[in-house]
Structure formats: structure tokens, C-alpha cells
Amino acid sequence: MNRETYEMTLLFDYYGDLLTDKQKELFDLHYNEDLSLSEIAEHLGISRQGVRDGVMRSEDILKEIEQKLGFVKRHMGLKEVLDGLVSDINQIKELNTNYEIHSLLDDLRIKIENLD
């Protein structure tokens, strides 16, 4: 999955319910089902241009909502911090042979990973 597709599906996961049913359907078929615009047009009995316009409009709406709310940006920032913490925990474990500390670090790592 390329980066743009990943970002769009993440935006859809957060804000998809704010789209109309038709926009959701077009977006889902294009991004989640990986159908081409022509395939969607044939499937729904509408023009390829109509599909393109609907998908583009959905993308614009999702991007605009993200610009205003920023939930995905915050999510990605938190994920980066949490991944860094897990990496730090693993480094501490490598440097320390105390098994009680290892157990505490394992518990902490599990809690962090469960935040995702």
C-alpha cells in the first residue's frame, strides 16, 4: 500500500462517517476494494467521471476535516512516541541483567503496545 493510500484510508477510518452514503461507497470501492474508476462506474452504472468526481470530493472533505481537527496527525505523533518508548525499553533490557527490572519493562512495553 502506498503512502497516499494509507493516509487516505486512515482519514476514512477517523472521519468516514461524516461522508454521505454515496461518498462512503465510492471511497470504499476505490481505496478498500482497490477497484479502478472504470470498474466502479460499471458496477454502479454511472460514468467514470462521476466516480472520479465523487472520490475526489470525498478526499477533499476528509483532508479538510483533518486540517480542522488534526486527529490523525496527533495519532501518528503519539504512535511515533510510543514506538520510541518501546525501542528504549528494549535497549534498557539489553543493558541490564536484573530480571525484576526486565519483568517491569516487559509489563510497561505490553501496556504501551496495547495503546495502539
C-alpha atoms as a PDB file:
ATOM      1  CA  MET A   1       0.000   0.000   0.000  1.00  0.00           C
ATOM      2  CA  ASN A   2       1.498   3.333  -0.962  1.00  0.00           C
ATOM      3  CA  ARG A   3       1.721   6.222   1.479  1.00  0.00           C
ATOM      4  CA  GLU A   4      -1.110   8.257  -0.073  1.00  0.00           C
ATOM      5  CA  THR A   5      -3.483   5.298   0.024  1.00  0.00           C
ATOM      6  CA  TYR A   6      -2.511   4.590   3.639  1.00  0.00           C
ATOM      7  CA  GLU A   7      -3.128   8.223   4.619  1.00  0.00           C
ATOM      8  CA  MET A   8      -6.494   8.335   2.840  1.00  0.00           C
ATOM      9  CA  THR A   9      -7.707   5.099   4.444  1.00  0.00           C
ATOM     10  CA  LEU A  10      -6.593   6.394   7.837  1.00  0.00           C
ATOM     11  CA  LEU A  11      -8.559   9.606   7.256  1.00  0.00           C
ATOM     12  CA  PHE A  12     -11.537   7.479   6.227  1.00  0.00           C
ATOM     13  CA  ASP A  13     -11.240   5.403   9.413  1.00  0.00           C
ATOM     14  CA  TYR A  14     -11.401   8.571  11.503  1.00  0.00           C
ATOM     15  CA  TYR A  15     -13.857  10.698   9.561  1.00  0.00           C
ATOM     16  CA  GLY A  16     -15.632   8.411   7.077  1.00  0.00           C
ATOM     17  CA  ASP A  17     -18.934   8.601   8.928  1.00  0.00           C
ATOM     18  CA  LEU A  18     -19.079  12.299   8.058  1.00  0.00           C
ATOM     19  CA  LEU A  19     -19.372  11.487   4.341  1.00  0.00           C
ATOM     20  CA  THR A  20     -22.648  10.779   2.592  1.00  0.00           C
ATOM     21  CA  ASP A  21     -23.550   7.138   1.961  1.00  0.00           C
ATOM     22  CA  LYS A  22     -22.710   7.544  -1.730  1.00  0.00           C
ATOM     23  CA  GLN A  23     -19.323   9.128  -0.956  1.00  0.00           C
ATOM     24  CA  LYS A  24     -18.562   6.331   1.503  1.00  0.00           C
ATOM     25  CA  GLU A  25     -19.450   3.711  -1.078  1.00  0.00           C
ATOM     26  CA  LEU A  26     -17.287   5.278  -3.799  1.00  0.00           C
ATOM     27  CA  PHE A  27     -14.373   5.753  -1.418  1.00  0.00           C
ATOM     28  CA  ASP A  28     -14.641   2.212  -0.079  1.00  0.00           C
ATOM     29  CA  LEU A  29     -14.766   0.648  -3.528  1.00  0.00           C
ATOM     30  CA  HIS A  30     -11.805   2.686  -4.738  1.00  0.00           C
ATOM     31  CA  TYR A  31      -9.486   2.517  -1.712  1.00  0.00           C
ATOM     32  CA  ASN A  32     -10.524  -0.540   0.271  1.00  0.00           C
ATOM     33  CA  GLU A  33     -11.677  -2.813  -2.549  1.00  0.00           C
ATOM     34  CA  ASP A  34      -8.960  -1.428  -4.881  1.00  0.00           C
ATOM     35  CA  LEU A  35     -11.329  -1.110  -7.841  1.00  0.00           C
ATOM     36  CA  SER A  36     -10.471   1.209 -10.704  1.00  0.00           C
ATOM     37  CA  LEU A  37     -12.696   4.167 -11.511  1.00  0.00           C
ATOM     38  CA  SER A  38     -13.937   2.335 -14.609  1.00  0.00           C
ATOM     39  CA  GLU A  39     -14.750  -0.799 -12.616  1.00  0.00           C
ATOM     40  CA  ILE A  40     -16.694   1.232 -10.062  1.00  0.00           C
ATOM     41  CA  ALA A  41     -18.549   3.086 -12.818  1.00  0.00           C
ATOM     42  CA  GLU A  42     -19.571  -0.179 -14.440  1.00  0.00           C
ATOM     43  CA  HIS A  43     -20.543  -1.707 -11.088  1.00  0.00           C
ATOM     44  CA  LEU A  44     -22.715   1.265 -10.094  1.00  0.00           C
ATOM     45  CA  GLY A  45     -23.998   2.177 -13.547  1.00  0.00           C
ATOM     46  CA  ILE A  46     -22.621   5.717 -13.509  1.00  0.00           C
ATOM     47  CA  SER A  47     -19.975   7.486 -15.573  1.00  0.00           C
ATOM     48  CA  ARG A  48     -16.276   7.160 -14.856  1.00  0.00           C
ATOM     49  CA  GLN A  49     -16.147  10.947 -14.470  1.00  0.00           C
ATOM     50  CA  GLY A  50     -18.939  10.773 -11.900  1.00  0.00           C
ATOM     51  CA  VAL A  51     -16.953   8.223  -9.918  1.00  0.00           C
ATOM     52  CA  ARG A  52     -13.803  10.329 -10.161  1.00  0.00           C
ATOM     53  CA  ASP A  53     -15.634  13.448  -9.017  1.00  0.00           C
ATOM     54  CA  GLY A  54     -17.175  11.572  -6.082  1.00  0.00           C
ATOM     55  CA  VAL A  55     -13.875  10.066  -4.969  1.00  0.00           C
ATOM     56  CA  MET A  56     -12.060  13.400  -5.313  1.00  0.00           C
ATOM     57  CA  ARG A  57     -14.810  15.187  -3.380  1.00  0.00           C
ATOM     58  CA  SER A  58     -14.579  12.582  -0.612  1.00  0.00           C
ATOM     59  CA  GLU A  59     -10.810  13.002  -0.446  1.00  0.00           C
ATOM     60  CA  ASP A  60     -11.154  16.793  -0.252  1.00  0.00           C
ATOM     61  CA  ILE A  61     -13.738  16.563   2.540  1.00  0.00           C
ATOM     62  CA  LEU A  62     -11.600  14.146   4.588  1.00  0.00           C
ATOM     63  CA  LYS A  63      -8.489  16.311   4.155  1.00  0.00           C
ATOM     64  CA  GLU A  64     -10.406  19.453   5.108  1.00  0.00           C
ATOM     65  CA  ILE A  65     -11.779  17.831   8.265  1.00  0.00           C
ATOM     66  CA  GLU A  66      -8.284  16.637   9.214  1.00  0.00           C
ATOM     67  CA  GLN A  67      -6.913  20.160   8.713  1.00  0.00           C
ATOM     68  CA  LYS A  68      -9.509  21.469  11.145  1.00  0.00           C
ATOM     69  CA  LEU A  69      -9.409  18.687  13.755  1.00  0.00           C
ATOM     70  CA  GLY A  70      -5.968  17.119  13.383  1.00  0.00           C
ATOM     71  CA  PHE A  71      -6.841  13.780  14.999  1.00  0.00           C
ATOM     72  CA  VAL A  72      -4.848  11.698  12.509  1.00  0.00           C
ATOM     73  CA  LYS A  73      -1.799  13.949  12.889  1.00  0.00           C
ATOM     74  CA  ARG A  74      -1.998  13.565  16.673  1.00  0.00           C
ATOM     75  CA  HIS A  75      -2.483   9.804  16.336  1.00  0.00           C
ATOM     76  CA  MET A  76       0.603   9.480  14.144  1.00  0.00           C
ATOM     77  CA  GLY A  77       2.649  11.634  16.534  1.00  0.00           C
ATOM     78  CA  LEU A  78       1.606   9.540  19.525  1.00  0.00           C
ATOM     79  CA  LYS A  79       2.352   6.349  17.631  1.00  0.00           C
ATOM     80  CA  GLU A  80       5.848   7.599  16.878  1.00  0.00           C
ATOM     81  CA  VAL A  81       6.428   8.446  20.556  1.00  0.00           C
ATOM     82  CA  LEU A  82       5.107   5.063  21.697  1.00  0.00           C
ATOM     83  CA  ASP A  83       7.274   3.228  19.169  1.00  0.00           C
ATOM     84  CA  GLY A  84      10.260   5.165  20.511  1.00  0.00           C
ATOM     85  CA  LEU A  85       9.394   4.172  24.077  1.00  0.00           C
ATOM     86  CA  VAL A  86       9.217   0.500  23.122  1.00  0.00           C
ATOM     87  CA  SER A  87      12.614   0.823  21.459  1.00  0.00           C
ATOM     88  CA  ASP A  88      14.027   2.485  24.600  1.00  0.00           C
ATOM     89  CA  ILE A  89      12.616  -0.318  26.757  1.00  0.00           C
ATOM     90  CA  ASN A  90      14.306  -2.912  24.578  1.00  0.00           C
ATOM     91  CA  GLN A  91      17.631  -1.069  24.836  1.00  0.00           C
ATOM     92  CA  ILE A  92      17.383  -0.857  28.633  1.00  0.00           C
ATOM     93  CA  LYS A  93      16.693  -4.582  28.787  1.00  0.00           C
ATOM     94  CA  GLU A  94      19.812  -5.278  26.720  1.00  0.00           C
ATOM     95  CA  LEU A  95      21.954  -3.177  29.066  1.00  0.00           C
ATOM     96  CA  ASN A  96      20.533  -4.541  32.305  1.00  0.00           C
ATOM     97  CA  THR A  97      20.548  -8.126  33.546  1.00  0.00           C
ATOM     98  CA  ASN A  98      18.254  -7.635  36.549  1.00  0.00           C
ATOM     99  CA  TYR A  99      15.258  -9.925  35.909  1.00  0.00           C
ATOM    100  CA  GLU A 100      12.914  -7.905  38.140  1.00  0.00           C
ATOM    101  CA  ILE A 101      13.607  -4.855  36.004  1.00  0.00           C
ATOM    102  CA  HIS A 102      13.111  -6.975  32.876  1.00  0.00           C
ATOM    103  CA  SER A 103       9.706  -8.029  34.160  1.00  0.00           C
ATOM    104  CA  LEU A 104       8.687  -4.435  34.874  1.00  0.00           C
ATOM    105  CA  LEU A 105       9.933  -3.331  31.472  1.00  0.00           C
ATOM    106  CA  ASP A 106       8.003  -6.137  29.776  1.00  0.00           C
ATOM    107  CA  ASP A 107       4.835  -5.051  31.582  1.00  0.00           C
ATOM    108  CA  LEU A 108       5.422  -1.452  30.513  1.00  0.00           C
ATOM    109  CA  ARG A 109       6.088  -2.471  26.906  1.00  0.00           C
ATOM    110  CA  ILE A 110       2.866  -4.507  26.820  1.00  0.00           C
ATOM    111  CA  LYS A 111       0.857  -1.568  28.179  1.00  0.00           C
ATOM    112  CA  ILE A 112       2.334   0.751  25.557  1.00  0.00           C
ATOM    113  CA  GLU A 113       1.670  -1.683  22.714  1.00  0.00           C
ATOM    114  CA  ASN A 114      -1.933  -2.101  23.873  1.00  0.00           C
ATOM    115  CA  LEU A 115      -2.482   1.658  23.499  1.00  0.00           C
ATOM    116  CA  ASP A 116      -2.458   1.243  19.701  1.00  0.00           C
END
